Amino acid sequence: MSVSISGLVSGVNVQSLIATLSAAYQQPITLLQNQQQSYQTTLSAWGSVQNSLSGLQSAVSSLQNVTSLNNRAVSLSNTSAVSATVSSDAPLGSYSLSNIVLAQTQSVYSQDFTSAANTAVGTGTLQIQVGSGAVSNVTIDSSNNSLNGIAAAINTAGAGVNAAVIYDGTGYRLTLTGNNTGAANAFSVSVSGATGSLSALSYSSGTSGGMTESQAAQNASVSINGLAITSATNTVSGAIPGVSLNLLQASGSTTLTVANDTSAFVKSVQSFVGAFNST
């Protein structure tokens, strides 16, 4: 007697059997997938906790920075007269600043010349001395004896002054301006071996016949609580410990106040509270 496959499975729901077996096979896989998702959720939660704790630790470190309690702030009743910066070692208090005189560079100018480029001024040697410094010798010859050429030669020499040619509406003038402010930076110009009108470019304080001074070299000064302080520049440092003044307005006055600056400490406290509340 022969037996067929169809006979063996007659009466059996093959599709249902396959579905049951597949479900049984899939069950441990699904369980593992659920466990994996649970672990990932837990890790994510720990990551959030770690980030919150890190933020709190940073806020605590900032709060423990006690140097923020030593910061100083400076205020001025008239910011047009003076600006100021302050360091943490500046003493607390108020200071009256008055009788401000601004530092100046020296400036001189020559007589009129009809042309800046084509008029030959003359030849010789310009001897420029700033304060008690070394003399700079500037040779003027036929290759550079126009006003433009003389200005270029002076600037190339690095003599401590800046030369420029200015048209005043009727003619051209050579101007010299000191590079630095302060009375000690006044300069003089002498001429040796002069031909033509080169000697007209000389200058010495109190003498005539050469260039004319339009502005004298001058120190800055300011009265601090009635005591006169001078400086070669408009920056005054050291008169008030830890405070640097920048003088801005001649004849100006202001009150300067140094106080504790608690803004950095308050910011640290606010950061700590925010980090604590989010933990």
C-alpha atoms as a PDB file:
ATOM      1  CA  MET A   1       0.000   0.000   0.000  1.00  0.00           C
ATOM      2  CA  SER A   2       1.409   3.426  -0.922  1.00  0.00           C
ATOM      3  CA  VAL A   3       1.338   6.481   1.374  1.00  0.00           C
ATOM      4  CA  SER A   4       1.296  10.086   0.033  1.00  0.00           C
ATOM      5  CA  ILE A   5       2.357  13.349   1.710  1.00  0.00           C
ATOM      6  CA  SER A   6      -1.006  14.786   1.176  1.00  0.00           C
ATOM      7  CA  GLY A   7      -2.388  11.885   3.111  1.00  0.00           C
ATOM      8  CA  LEU A   8      -0.121  12.592   6.079  1.00  0.00           C
ATOM      9  CA  VAL A   9      -1.171  16.195   6.367  1.00  0.00           C
ATOM     10  CA  SER A  10      -4.767  15.725   5.516  1.00  0.00           C
ATOM     11  CA  GLY A  11      -6.872  17.475   8.083  1.00  0.00           C
ATOM     12  CA  VAL A  12      -3.957  19.633   9.307  1.00  0.00           C
ATOM     13  CA  ASN A  13      -4.094  23.469   8.855  1.00  0.00           C
ATOM     14  CA  VAL A  14      -0.610  23.997   7.439  1.00  0.00           C
ATOM     15  CA  GLN A  15      -0.806  27.824   7.397  1.00  0.00           C
ATOM     16  CA  SER A  16      -1.827  27.930  11.063  1.00  0.00           C
ATOM     17  CA  LEU A  17       0.990  25.571  11.985  1.00  0.00           C
ATOM     18  CA  ILE A  18       3.546  27.745  10.188  1.00  0.00           C
ATOM     19  CA  ALA A  19       2.243  30.906  11.872  1.00  0.00           C
ATOM     20  CA  THR A  20       2.412  29.262  15.305  1.00  0.00           C
ATOM     21  CA  LEU A  21       5.957  28.045  14.784  1.00  0.00           C
ATOM     22  CA  SER A  22       7.057  31.484  13.485  1.00  0.00           C
ATOM     23  CA  ALA A  23       5.551  33.238  16.488  1.00  0.00           C
ATOM     24  CA  ALA A  24       7.306  30.862  18.845  1.00  0.00           C
ATOM     25  CA  TYR A  25      10.603  31.535  17.058  1.00  0.00           C
ATOM     26  CA  GLN A  26      10.089  35.323  17.102  1.00  0.00           C
ATOM     27  CA  GLN A  27       9.231  35.539  20.816  1.00  0.00           C
ATOM     28  CA  PRO A  28      12.822  35.469  22.207  1.00  0.00           C
ATOM     29  CA  ILE A  29      13.917  37.943  19.520  1.00  0.00           C
ATOM     30  CA  THR A  30      11.163  40.363  20.504  1.00  0.00           C
ATOM     31  CA  LEU A  31      12.109  39.963  24.161  1.00  0.00           C
ATOM     32  CA  LEU A  32      15.728  40.846  23.406  1.00  0.00           C
ATOM     33  CA  GLN A  33      14.658  43.865  21.342  1.00  0.00           C
ATOM     34  CA  ASN A  34      12.493  45.126  24.213  1.00  0.00           C
ATOM     35  CA  GLN A  35      15.381  44.700  26.641  1.00  0.00           C
ATOM     36  CA  GLN A  36      17.683  46.605  24.270  1.00  0.00           C
ATOM     37  CA  GLN A  37      15.209  49.504  24.085  1.00  0.00           C
ATOM     38  CA  SER A  38      14.957  49.539  27.887  1.00  0.00           C
ATOM     39  CA  TYR A  39      18.736  49.698  28.247  1.00  0.00           C
ATOM     40  CA  GLN A  40      18.952  52.537  25.709  1.00  0.00           C
ATOM     41  CA  THR A  41      16.282  54.496  27.577  1.00  0.00           C
ATOM     42  CA  THR A  42      18.164  54.002  30.856  1.00  0.00           C
ATOM     43  CA  LEU A  43      21.462  55.099  29.298  1.00  0.00           C
ATOM     44  CA  SER A  44      19.809  58.216  27.870  1.00  0.00           C
ATOM     45  CA  ALA A  45      18.391  59.076  31.284  1.00  0.00           C
ATOM     46  CA  TRP A  46      21.817  58.673  32.904  1.00  0.00           C
ATOM     47  CA  GLY A  47      23.302  60.877  30.199  1.00  0.00           C
ATOM     48  CA  SER A  48      20.819  63.639  31.037  1.00  0.00           C
ATOM     49  CA  VAL A  49      21.641  63.297  34.733  1.00  0.00           C
ATOM     50  CA  GLN A  50      25.354  63.472  33.972  1.00  0.00           C
ATOM     51  CA  ASN A  51      24.906  66.631  31.881  1.00  0.00           C
ATOM     52  CA  SER A  52      22.875  68.263  34.648  1.00  0.00           C
ATOM     53  CA  LEU A  53      25.486  67.380  37.266  1.00  0.00           C
ATOM     54  CA  SER A  54      28.246  68.700  35.008  1.00  0.00           C
ATOM     55  CA  GLY A  55      26.407  72.015  34.665  1.00  0.00           C
ATOM     56  CA  LEU A  56      25.912  72.176  38.424  1.00  0.00           C
ATOM     57  CA  GLN A  57      29.597  71.436  39.036  1.00  0.00           C
ATOM     58  CA  SER A  58      30.589  74.248  36.673  1.00  0.00           C
ATOM     59  CA  ALA A  59      28.242  76.656  38.450  1.00  0.00           C
ATOM     60  CA  VAL A  60      29.668  75.650  41.855  1.00  0.00           C
ATOM     61  CA  SER A  61      33.230  76.209  40.598  1.00  0.00           C
ATOM     62  CA  SER A  62      32.287  79.678  39.395  1.00  0.00           C
ATOM     63  CA  LEU A  63      30.629  80.421  42.718  1.00  0.00           C
ATOM     64  CA  GLN A  64      33.753  79.312  44.595  1.00  0.00           C
ATOM     65  CA  ASN A  65      35.864  81.815  42.644  1.00  0.00           C
ATOM     66  CA  VAL A  66      36.119  84.300  45.493  1.00  0.00           C
ATOM     67  CA  THR A  67      38.207  86.717  43.406  1.00  0.00           C
ATOM     68  CA  SER A  68      34.933  87.914  41.877  1.00  0.00           C
ATOM     69  CA  LEU A  69      34.189  89.477  45.260  1.00  0.00           C
ATOM     70  CA  ASN A  70      37.315  91.655  44.877  1.00  0.00           C
ATOM     71  CA  ASN A  71      36.396  93.130  41.499  1.00  0.00           C
ATOM     72  CA  ARG A  72      36.182  96.900  41.218  1.00  0.00           C
ATOM     73  CA  ALA A  73      33.916  99.164  39.180  1.00  0.00           C
ATOM     74  CA  VAL A  74      34.641 102.776  38.274  1.00  0.00           C
ATOM     75  CA  SER A  75      32.061 105.480  37.590  1.00  0.00           C
ATOM     76  CA  LEU A  76      32.473 109.085  36.432  1.00  0.00           C
ATOM     77  CA  SER A  77      30.083 111.997  36.828  1.00  0.00           C
ATOM     78  CA  ASN A  78      31.321 113.519  33.544  1.00  0.00           C
ATOM     79  CA  THR A  79      32.436 110.951  30.966  1.00  0.00           C
ATOM     80  CA  SER A  80      33.219 113.690  28.432  1.00  0.00           C
ATOM     81  CA  ALA A  81      36.130 114.922  30.553  1.00  0.00           C
ATOM     82  CA  VAL A  82      37.814 111.655  31.521  1.00  0.00           C
ATOM     83  CA  SER A  83      37.565 107.936  30.876  1.00  0.00           C
ATOM     84  CA  ALA A  84      39.069 105.408  33.270  1.00  0.00           C
ATOM     85  CA  THR A  85      39.875 101.753  33.796  1.00  0.00           C
ATOM     86  CA  VAL A  86      40.346 100.097  37.176  1.00  0.00           C
ATOM     87  CA  SER A  87      42.014  96.953  38.524  1.00  0.00           C
ATOM     88  CA  SER A  88      41.046  94.837  41.536  1.00  0.00           C
ATOM     89  CA  ASP A  89      43.702  96.411  43.789  1.00  0.00           C
ATOM     90  CA  ALA A  90      42.312  99.947  43.477  1.00  0.00           C
ATOM     91  CA  PRO A  91      41.255 101.419  46.843  1.00  0.00           C
ATOM     92  CA  LEU A  92      37.565 102.171  47.317  1.00  0.00           C
ATOM     93  CA  GLY A  93      36.644 105.845  47.390  1.00  0.00           C
ATOM     94  CA  SER A  94      35.800 108.994  45.445  1.00  0.00           C
ATOM     95  CA  TYR A  95      38.206 111.445  43.835  1.00  0.00           C
ATOM     96  CA  SER A  96      37.680 114.964  42.494  1.00  0.00           C
ATOM     97  CA  LEU A  97      39.364 115.590  39.121  1.00  0.00           C
ATOM     98  CA  SER A  98      39.638 119.164  37.830  1.00  0.00           C
ATOM     99  CA  ASN A  99      41.799 121.727  35.979  1.00  0.00           C
ATOM    100  CA  ILE A 100      42.480 119.335  33.109  1.00  0.00           C
ATOM    101  CA  VAL A 101      45.144 120.379  30.600  1.00  0.00           C
ATOM    102  CA  LEU A 102      45.665 118.126  27.581  1.00  0.00           C
ATOM    103  CA  ALA A 103      49.084 117.053  26.337  1.00  0.00           C
ATOM    104  CA  GLN A 104      50.061 118.366  22.903  1.00  0.00           C
ATOM    105  CA  THR A 105      52.585 117.754  20.169  1.00  0.00           C
ATOM    106  CA  GLN A 106      54.585 120.667  18.777  1.00  0.00           C
ATOM    107  CA  SER A 107      53.692 121.989  15.311  1.00  0.00           C
ATOM    108  CA  VAL A 108      55.456 124.559  13.099  1.00  0.00           C
ATOM    109  CA  TYR A 109      54.840 125.851   9.578  1.00  0.00           C
ATOM    110  CA  SER A 110      56.893 127.610   6.907  1.00  0.00           C
ATOM    111  CA  GLN A 111      56.322 130.672   4.769  1.00  0.00           C
ATOM    112  CA  ASP A 112      54.285 130.374   1.552  1.00  0.00           C
ATOM    113  CA  PHE A 113      55.839 128.873  -1.577  1.00  0.00           C
ATOM    114  CA  THR A 114      54.233 129.139  -5.003  1.00  0.00           C
ATOM    115  CA  SER A 115      54.520 125.439  -5.816  1.00  0.00           C
ATOM    116  CA  ALA A 116      54.868 122.233  -3.833  1.00  0.00           C
ATOM    117  CA  ALA A 117      56.508 120.274  -6.624  1.00  0.00           C
ATOM    118  CA  ASN A 118      58.192 122.719  -8.997  1.00  0.00           C
ATOM    119  CA  THR A 119      59.692 125.500  -6.865  1.00  0.00           C
ATOM    120  CA  ALA A 120      63.323 124.880  -5.825  1.00  0.00           C
ATOM    121  CA  VAL A 121      63.613 125.876  -2.170  1.00  0.00           C
ATOM    122  CA  GLY A 122      67.399 125.506  -1.872  1.00  0.00           C
ATOM    123  CA  THR A 123      70.035 122.995  -0.805  1.00  0.00           C
ATOM    124  CA  GLY A 124      71.901 122.196   2.403  1.00  0.00           C
ATOM    125  CA  THR A 125      71.384 120.040   5.488  1.00  0.00           C
ATOM    126  CA  LEU A 126      68.421 120.201   7.861  1.00  0.00           C
ATOM    127  CA  GLN A 127      69.400 119.282  11.417  1.00  0.00           C
ATOM    128  CA  ILE A 128      66.392 118.181  13.467  1.00  0.00           C
ATOM    129  CA  GLN A 129      66.625 117.517  17.193  1.00  0.00           C
ATOM    130  CA  VAL A 130      63.752 116.327  19.396  1.00  0.00           C
ATOM    131  CA  GLY A 131      64.266 117.212  23.048  1.00  0.00           C
ATOM    132  CA  SER A 132      67.773 116.241  24.136  1.00  0.00           C
ATOM    133  CA  GLY A 133      67.935 113.362  21.671  1.00  0.00           C
ATOM    134  CA  ALA A 134      70.340 112.775  18.810  1.00  0.00           C
ATOM    135  CA  VAL A 135      70.374 115.170  15.859  1.00  0.00           C
ATOM    136  CA  SER A 136      68.961 113.818  12.591  1.00  0.00           C
ATOM    137  CA  ASN A 137      70.701 115.194   9.501  1.00  0.00           C
ATOM    138  CA  VAL A 138      68.553 115.436   6.379  1.00  0.00           C
ATOM    139  CA  THR A 139      70.426 116.205   3.159  1.00  0.00           C
ATOM    140  CA  ILE A 140      68.616 118.415   0.658  1.00  0.00           C
ATOM    141  CA  ASP A 141      70.082 118.601  -2.845  1.00  0.00           C
ATOM    142  CA  SER A 142      68.912 119.216  -6.397  1.00  0.00           C
ATOM    143  CA  SER A 143      67.065 115.869  -6.428  1.00  0.00           C
ATOM    144  CA  ASN A 144      64.717 116.673  -3.548  1.00  0.00           C
ATOM    145  CA  ASN A 145      64.712 120.426  -2.970  1.00  0.00           C
ATOM    146  CA  SER A 146      61.014 121.060  -3.679  1.00  0.00           C
ATOM    147  CA  LEU A 147      58.610 121.238  -0.729  1.00  0.00           C
ATOM    148  CA  ASN A 148      57.318 117.761  -1.568  1.00  0.00           C
ATOM    149  CA  GLY A 149      60.856 116.415  -1.827  1.00  0.00           C
ATOM    150  CA  ILE A 150      61.906 117.989   1.471  1.00  0.00           C
ATOM    151  CA  ALA A 151      58.850 116.576   3.263  1.00  0.00           C
ATOM    152  CA  ALA A 152      59.564 113.102   1.883  1.00  0.00           C
ATOM    153  CA  ALA A 153      63.238 113.313   2.900  1.00  0.00           C
ATOM    154  CA  ILE A 154      62.340 114.330   6.466  1.00  0.00           C
ATOM    155  CA  ASN A 155      59.812 111.507   6.825  1.00  0.00           C
ATOM    156  CA  THR A 156      62.264 108.965   5.436  1.00  0.00           C
ATOM    157  CA  ALA A 157      64.923 110.102   7.915  1.00  0.00           C
ATOM    158  CA  GLY A 158      62.823 109.080  10.929  1.00  0.00           C
ATOM    159  CA  ALA A 159      63.690 112.332  12.659  1.00  0.00           C
ATOM    160  CA  GLY A 160      60.875 112.159  15.235  1.00  0.00           C
ATOM    161  CA  VAL A 161      58.644 114.591  13.368  1.00  0.00           C
ATOM    162  CA  ASN A 162      56.065 114.227  10.623  1.00  0.00           C
ATOM    163  CA  ALA A 163      56.384 116.524   7.595  1.00  0.00           C
ATOM    164  CA  ALA A 164      53.495 117.490   5.326  1.00  0.00           C
ATOM    165  CA  VAL A 165      52.774 120.094   2.647  1.00  0.00           C
ATOM    166  CA  ILE A 166      49.547 122.080   3.023  1.00  0.00           C
ATOM    167  CA  TYR A 167      47.904 124.530   0.613  1.00  0.00           C
ATOM    168  CA  ASP A 168      46.460 127.479   2.576  1.00  0.00           C
ATOM    169  CA  GLY A 169      44.545 129.087  -0.270  1.00  0.00           C
ATOM    170  CA  THR A 170      47.359 131.365  -1.429  1.00  0.00           C
ATOM    171  CA  GLY A 171      50.434 129.147  -1.392  1.00  0.00           C
ATOM    172  CA  TYR A 172      52.047 125.955  -0.123  1.00  0.00           C
ATOM    173  CA  ARG A 173      53.573 125.574   3.323  1.00  0.00           C
ATOM    174  CA  LEU A 174      55.769 122.903   4.873  1.00  0.00           C
ATOM    175  CA  THR A 175      54.458 121.793   8.268  1.00  0.00           C
ATOM    176  CA  LEU A 176      56.302 119.759  10.891  1.00  0.00           C
ATOM    177  CA  THR A 177      54.528 118.029  13.780  1.00  0.00           C
ATOM    178  CA  GLY A 178      56.209 116.122  16.595  1.00  0.00           C
ATOM    179  CA  ASN A 179      55.484 112.414  16.831  1.00  0.00           C
ATOM    180  CA  ASN A 180      54.978 112.488  20.600  1.00  0.00           C
ATOM    181  CA  THR A 181      53.233 114.744  23.093  1.00  0.00           C
ATOM    182  CA  GLY A 182      54.915 116.307  26.105  1.00  0.00           C
ATOM    183  CA  ALA A 183      57.183 119.274  26.789  1.00  0.00           C
ATOM    184  CA  ALA A 184      60.277 117.062  26.616  1.00  0.00           C
ATOM    185  CA  ASN A 185      59.468 116.299  22.976  1.00  0.00           C
ATOM    186  CA  ALA A 186      59.789 119.869  21.692  1.00  0.00           C
ATOM    187  CA  PHE A 187      61.990 119.986  18.599  1.00  0.00           C
ATOM    188  CA  SER A 188      64.265 122.453  16.822  1.00  0.00           C
ATOM    189  CA  VAL A 189      65.437 122.694  13.208  1.00  0.00           C
ATOM    190  CA  SER A 190      68.731 124.241  12.174  1.00  0.00           C
ATOM    191  CA  VAL A 191      70.177 124.503   8.663  1.00  0.00           C
ATOM    192  CA  SER A 192      73.808 124.215   7.612  1.00  0.00           C
ATOM    193  CA  GLY A 193      75.313 124.985   4.214  1.00  0.00           C
ATOM    194  CA  ALA A 194      72.077 126.583   3.080  1.00  0.00           C
ATOM    195  CA  THR A 195      71.499 127.960  -0.397  1.00  0.00           C
ATOM    196  CA  GLY A 196      68.372 129.639  -1.696  1.00  0.00           C
ATOM    197  CA  SER A 197      65.533 129.796   0.811  1.00  0.00           C
ATOM    198  CA  LEU A 198      66.383 126.617   2.735  1.00  0.00           C
ATOM    199  CA  SER A 199      67.328 128.644   5.838  1.00  0.00           C
ATOM    200  CA  ALA A 200      63.666 129.734   6.026  1.00  0.00           C
ATOM    201  CA  LEU A 201      62.898 126.177   7.191  1.00  0.00           C
ATOM    202  CA  SER A 202      64.829 126.576  10.445  1.00  0.00           C
ATOM    203  CA  TYR A 203      63.059 126.776  13.801  1.00  0.00           C
ATOM    204  CA  SER A 204      64.234 127.491  17.320  1.00  0.00           C
ATOM    205  CA  SER A 205      62.023 128.569  20.203  1.00  0.00           C
ATOM    206  CA  GLY A 206      62.241 132.293  20.836  1.00  0.00           C
ATOM    207  CA  THR A 207      63.956 133.174  17.548  1.00  0.00           C
ATOM    208  CA  SER A 208      62.549 134.675  14.361  1.00  0.00           C
ATOM    209  CA  GLY A 209      63.350 134.394  10.685  1.00  0.00           C
ATOM    210  CA  GLY A 210      62.432 130.749  10.227  1.00  0.00           C
ATOM    211  CA  MET A 211      59.296 128.688  10.606  1.00  0.00           C
ATOM    212  CA  THR A 212      56.458 129.740  12.912  1.00  0.00           C
ATOM    213  CA  GLU A 213      55.182 127.678  15.824  1.00  0.00           C
ATOM    214  CA  SER A 214      51.428 127.036  15.705  1.00  0.00           C
ATOM    215  CA  GLN A 215      51.296 124.740  18.738  1.00  0.00           C
ATOM    216  CA  ALA A 216      53.786 124.211  21.553  1.00  0.00           C
ATOM    217  CA  ALA A 217      54.739 120.826  22.957  1.00  0.00           C
ATOM    218  CA  GLN A 218      52.905 120.502  26.249  1.00  0.00           C
ATOM    219  CA  ASN A 219      52.453 118.102  29.158  1.00  0.00           C
ATOM    220  CA  ALA A 220      49.050 116.996  30.368  1.00  0.00           C
ATOM    221  CA  SER A 221      47.993 117.861  33.892  1.00  0.00           C
ATOM    222  CA  VAL A 222      45.039 117.210  36.175  1.00  0.00           C
ATOM    223  CA  SER A 223      44.267 118.103  39.776  1.00  0.00           C
ATOM    224  CA  ILE A 224      43.277 115.054  41.846  1.00  0.00           C
ATOM    225  CA  ASN A 225      41.709 116.135  45.132  1.00  0.00           C
ATOM    226  CA  GLY A 226      43.529 119.447  44.654  1.00  0.00           C
ATOM    227  CA  LEU A 227      46.964 117.948  43.947  1.00  0.00           C
ATOM    228  CA  ALA A 228      48.369 118.759  40.473  1.00  0.00           C
ATOM    229  CA  ILE A 229      49.615 115.709  38.545  1.00  0.00           C
ATOM    230  CA  THR A 230      51.513 115.984  35.240  1.00  0.00           C
ATOM    231  CA  SER A 231      52.091 113.479  32.447  1.00  0.00           C
ATOM    232  CA  ALA A 232      53.807 113.587  29.055  1.00  0.00           C
ATOM    233  CA  THR A 233      50.703 111.963  27.546  1.00  0.00           C
ATOM    234  CA  ASN A 234      46.967 112.197  28.116  1.00  0.00           C
ATOM    235  CA  THR A 235      47.088 108.872  29.948  1.00  0.00           C
ATOM    236  CA  VAL A 236      47.745 109.209  33.677  1.00  0.00           C
ATOM    237  CA  SER A 237      48.590 105.979  35.503  1.00  0.00           C
ATOM    238  CA  GLY A 238      49.719 105.435  39.081  1.00  0.00           C
ATOM    239  CA  ALA A 239      48.421 108.674  40.562  1.00  0.00           C
ATOM    240  CA  ILE A 240      45.503 106.676  41.976  1.00  0.00           C
ATOM    241  CA  PRO A 241      46.681 103.092  42.638  1.00  0.00           C
ATOM    242  CA  GLY A 242      45.037 100.639  40.263  1.00  0.00           C
ATOM    243  CA  VAL A 243      43.367 103.377  38.191  1.00  0.00           C
ATOM    244  CA  SER A 244      44.355 104.536  34.692  1.00  0.00           C
ATOM    245  CA  LEU A 245      42.947 107.879  33.537  1.00  0.00           C
ATOM    246  CA  ASN A 246      42.541 109.029  29.946  1.00  0.00           C
ATOM    247  CA  LEU A 247      42.143 112.824  29.834  1.00  0.00           C
ATOM    248  CA  LEU A 248      39.665 113.905  27.152  1.00  0.00           C
ATOM    249  CA  GLN A 249      38.531 117.492  27.740  1.00  0.00           C
ATOM    250  CA  ALA A 250      40.618 120.566  28.509  1.00  0.00           C
ATOM    251  CA  SER A 251      39.353 122.516  31.545  1.00  0.00           C
ATOM    252  CA  GLY A 252      36.971 119.657  32.289  1.00  0.00           C
ATOM    253  CA  SER A 253      36.159 118.264  35.707  1.00  0.00           C
ATOM    254  CA  THR A 254      34.531 115.114  37.051  1.00  0.00           C
ATOM    255  CA  THR A 255      34.138 112.971  40.139  1.00  0.00           C
ATOM    256  CA  LEU A 256      35.580 109.466  39.922  1.00  0.00           C
ATOM    257  CA  THR A 257      34.239 106.750  42.225  1.00  0.00           C
ATOM    258  CA  VAL A 258      35.762 103.306  42.779  1.00  0.00           C
ATOM    259  CA  ALA A 259      33.331 100.779  44.261  1.00  0.00           C
ATOM    260  CA  ASN A 260      32.958  97.027  44.623  1.00  0.00           C
ATOM    261  CA  ASP A 261      31.718  95.357  41.456  1.00  0.00           C
ATOM    262  CA  THR A 262      29.363  92.585  42.565  1.00  0.00           C
ATOM    263  CA  SER A 263      27.912  91.911  39.112  1.00  0.00           C
ATOM    264  CA  ALA A 264      30.199  88.931  38.436  1.00  0.00           C
ATOM    265  CA  PHE A 265      29.350  87.343  41.797  1.00  0.00           C
ATOM    266  CA  VAL A 266      25.614  87.890  41.278  1.00  0.00           C
ATOM    267  CA  LYS A 267      25.881  86.287  37.844  1.00  0.00           C
ATOM    268  CA  SER A 268      27.640  83.264  39.393  1.00  0.00           C
ATOM    269  CA  VAL A 269      24.864  82.886  41.988  1.00  0.00           C
ATOM    270  CA  GLN A 270      22.198  83.114  39.292  1.00  0.00           C
ATOM    271  CA  SER A 271      24.000  80.457  37.243  1.00  0.00           C
ATOM    272  CA  PHE A 272      24.194  78.167  40.289  1.00  0.00           C
ATOM    273  CA  VAL A 273      20.485  78.562  41.062  1.00  0.00           C
ATOM    274  CA  GLY A 274      19.563  77.868  37.450  1.00  0.00           C
ATOM    275  CA  ALA A 275      21.786  74.777  37.303  1.00  0.00           C
ATOM    276  CA  PHE A 276      20.472  73.503  40.657  1.00  0.00           C
ATOM    277  CA  ASN A 277      16.846  73.904  39.615  1.00  0.00           C
ATOM    278  CA  SER A 278      17.431  72.008  36.377  1.00  0.00           C
ATOM    279  CA  THR A 279      19.154  69.079  38.120  1.00  0.00           C
END
